[in-house]
Amino acid sequence: MLNINVTLLIQAALFLTFLWVLTKFLFKPVLTVLNERLEKTEGLKKKAIEIEEVVVVKVKEYEDRFKDARAKSLEVKTELKREGVEEEKKIIAAVTKETKDVIEEKKGGIYKDVEEIKSDIEKQMGEISSILAEKVLGRRIE
């Protein structure tokens, strides 16, 4: 059988006192620190999630701006290329016209020279005919 005596009551009182002291000075401060740490961790996790969301938005904006810039640069490049081709056509047309003008001018000069040479030859034909006739006949023709 179990005897309840004063020792058991003293031990129970000491145990409860010890439990109260441990709770007040050890368990509560440790639990408070753990709760604060948990709250900080939760707060940091939330902040990290918010920062990650902001980063995702910023990256999306950056990619959109980059695509827009690339499209705009391609458009500018195409426009500059078109302008270059137009300028090239203008230059080629001007050079072609100038070349044709020079050729026509030179042709005119050549035709003029040919006409002068023809007229000189016609003038000299009479003299040459006389000289040939004299040579063939062997006498002087007047």
Protein backbone atom coordinates (compact mmCIF):
# COMPACT_ATOMS: atom_id res chain seq x y z
CA MET A 1 0.00 0.00 0.00
CA LEU A 2 0.95 3.51 -0.54
CA ASN A 3 1.73 5.68 2.45
CA ILE A 4 1.37 9.41 2.05
CA ASN A 5 3.58 11.23 4.42
CA VAL A 6 5.20 14.64 4.81
CA THR A 7 8.17 13.79 2.57
CA LEU A 8 5.89 13.18 -0.33
CA LEU A 9 4.16 16.50 0.26
CA ILE A 10 7.53 18.32 0.53
CA GLN A 11 8.75 16.66 -2.65
CA ALA A 12 5.55 17.62 -4.43
CA ALA A 13 5.86 21.22 -3.19
CA LEU A 14 9.53 21.36 -4.27
CA PHE A 15 8.65 19.88 -7.68
CA LEU A 16 5.89 22.44 -8.24
CA THR A 17 8.19 25.27 -7.09
CA PHE A 18 10.95 24.03 -9.39
CA LEU A 19 8.48 23.73 -12.26
CA TRP A 20 7.22 27.28 -11.61
CA VAL A 21 10.83 28.68 -11.51
CA LEU A 22 11.77 26.83 -14.73
CA THR A 23 8.63 28.05 -16.47
CA LYS A 24 9.13 31.65 -15.37
CA PHE A 25 12.89 31.95 -15.98
CA LEU A 26 13.68 29.36 -18.64
CA PHE A 27 10.73 28.12 -20.67
CA LYS A 28 8.93 31.47 -21.17
CA PRO A 29 12.09 33.41 -22.25
CA VAL A 30 13.14 30.58 -24.58
CA LEU A 31 9.62 30.35 -26.05
CA THR A 32 9.52 34.14 -26.41
CA VAL A 33 12.85 34.11 -28.30
CA LEU A 34 11.69 31.24 -30.49
CA ASN A 35 8.41 33.04 -31.26
CA GLU A 36 10.24 36.26 -32.12
CA ARG A 37 12.63 34.29 -34.33
CA LEU A 38 9.71 32.59 -36.04
CA GLU A 39 7.98 35.95 -36.60
CA LYS A 40 11.18 37.44 -38.03
CA THR A 41 11.64 34.41 -40.27
CA GLU A 42 8.03 34.65 -41.47
CA GLY A 43 8.46 38.39 -42.04
CA LEU A 44 11.67 37.86 -43.97
CA LYS A 45 10.01 35.13 -46.06
CA LYS A 46 7.13 37.48 -46.87
CA LYS A 47 9.57 40.26 -47.71
CA ALA A 48 11.59 37.88 -49.90
CA ILE A 49 8.41 36.84 -51.73
CA GLU A 50 7.46 40.50 -52.25
CA ILE A 51 10.96 41.30 -53.54
CA GLU A 52 10.82 38.30 -55.86
CA GLU A 53 7.48 39.49 -57.23
CA VAL A 54 8.94 42.97 -57.80
CA VAL A 55 11.95 41.42 -59.52
CA VAL A 56 9.70 39.36 -61.78
CA VAL A 57 7.74 42.49 -62.73
CA LYS A 58 10.95 44.47 -63.35
CA VAL A 59 12.41 41.66 -65.48
CA LYS A 60 9.19 41.53 -67.51
CA GLU A 61 9.31 45.32 -68.00
CA TYR A 62 12.98 45.09 -68.99
CA GLU A 63 12.27 42.33 -71.51
CA ASP A 64 9.36 44.32 -72.95
CA ARG A 65 11.49 47.45 -73.28
CA PHE A 66 14.29 45.38 -74.80
CA LYS A 67 11.89 43.89 -77.37
CA ASP A 68 10.54 47.36 -78.15
CA ALA A 69 14.07 48.74 -78.53
CA ARG A 70 15.05 45.85 -80.78
CA ALA A 71 11.94 46.35 -82.93
CA LYS A 72 12.59 50.10 -83.10
CA SER A 73 16.24 49.59 -84.04
CA LEU A 74 15.21 47.12 -86.76
CA GLU A 75 12.70 49.67 -88.03
CA VAL A 76 15.35 52.42 -88.05
CA LYS A 77 17.80 50.08 -89.77
CA THR A 78 15.22 49.25 -92.43
CA GLU A 79 14.42 52.93 -92.93
CA LEU A 80 18.11 53.84 -93.23
CA LYS A 81 18.64 51.00 -95.67
CA ARG A 82 15.66 52.18 -97.75
CA GLU A 83 17.00 55.75 -97.71
CA GLY A 84 20.43 54.45 -98.74
CA VAL A 85 18.93 52.52 -101.65
CA GLU A 86 16.97 55.60 -102.74
CA GLU A 87 20.10 57.76 -102.50
CA GLU A 88 22.04 55.13 -104.46
CA LYS A 89 19.36 55.15 -107.19
CA LYS A 90 19.50 58.96 -107.34
CA ILE A 91 23.28 58.94 -107.60
CA ILE A 92 23.24 56.22 -110.27
CA ALA A 93 20.57 58.11 -112.21
CA ALA A 94 22.58 61.35 -112.00
CA VAL A 95 25.80 59.62 -113.08
CA THR A 96 23.97 57.82 -115.89
CA LYS A 97 22.47 61.10 -117.12
CA GLU A 98 25.81 62.85 -116.89
CA THR A 99 27.48 59.97 -118.73
CA LYS A 100 24.83 60.05 -121.46
CA ASP A 101 25.26 63.82 -121.77
CA VAL A 102 29.04 63.44 -122.07
CA ILE A 103 28.62 60.63 -124.62
CA GLU A 104 26.16 62.71 -126.65
CA GLU A 105 28.51 65.69 -126.48
CA LYS A 106 31.43 63.52 -127.60
CA LYS A 107 29.29 61.96 -130.38
CA GLY A 108 28.40 65.46 -131.55
CA GLY A 109 32.09 66.35 -131.55
CA ILE A 110 32.92 63.16 -133.44
CA TYR A 111 30.18 63.79 -136.02
CA LYS A 112 31.47 67.34 -136.45
CA ASP A 113 35.03 66.04 -136.87
CA VAL A 114 33.79 63.42 -139.38
CA GLU A 115 32.00 66.10 -141.36
CA GLU A 116 35.11 68.29 -141.35
CA ILE A 117 37.23 65.34 -142.46
CA LYS A 118 34.69 64.51 -145.21
CA SER A 119 34.76 68.08 -146.43
CA ASP A 120 38.59 68.06 -146.33
CA ILE A 121 38.63 64.76 -148.23
CA GLU A 122 36.20 66.12 -150.81
CA LYS A 123 38.42 69.16 -151.23
CA GLN A 124 41.49 67.01 -151.56
CA MET A 125 39.78 64.51 -153.92
CA GLY A 126 40.12 66.86 -156.83
CA GLU A 127 43.83 67.28 -156.20
CA ILE A 128 44.34 63.57 -155.63
CA SER A 129 42.39 62.77 -158.84
CA SER A 130 44.60 65.11 -160.81
CA ILE A 131 47.75 63.63 -159.32
CA LEU A 132 46.52 60.08 -160.06
CA ALA A 133 45.54 60.99 -163.59
CA GLU A 134 48.96 62.54 -164.17
CA LYS A 135 50.65 59.43 -162.82
CA VAL A 136 48.48 57.08 -164.89
CA LEU A 137 48.79 59.18 -168.06
CA GLY A 138 52.37 60.04 -167.41
CA ARG A 139 51.87 63.69 -168.28
CA ARG A 140 50.78 66.83 -166.64
CA ILE A 141 47.03 67.74 -166.71
CA GLU A 142 45.91 71.28 -166.39
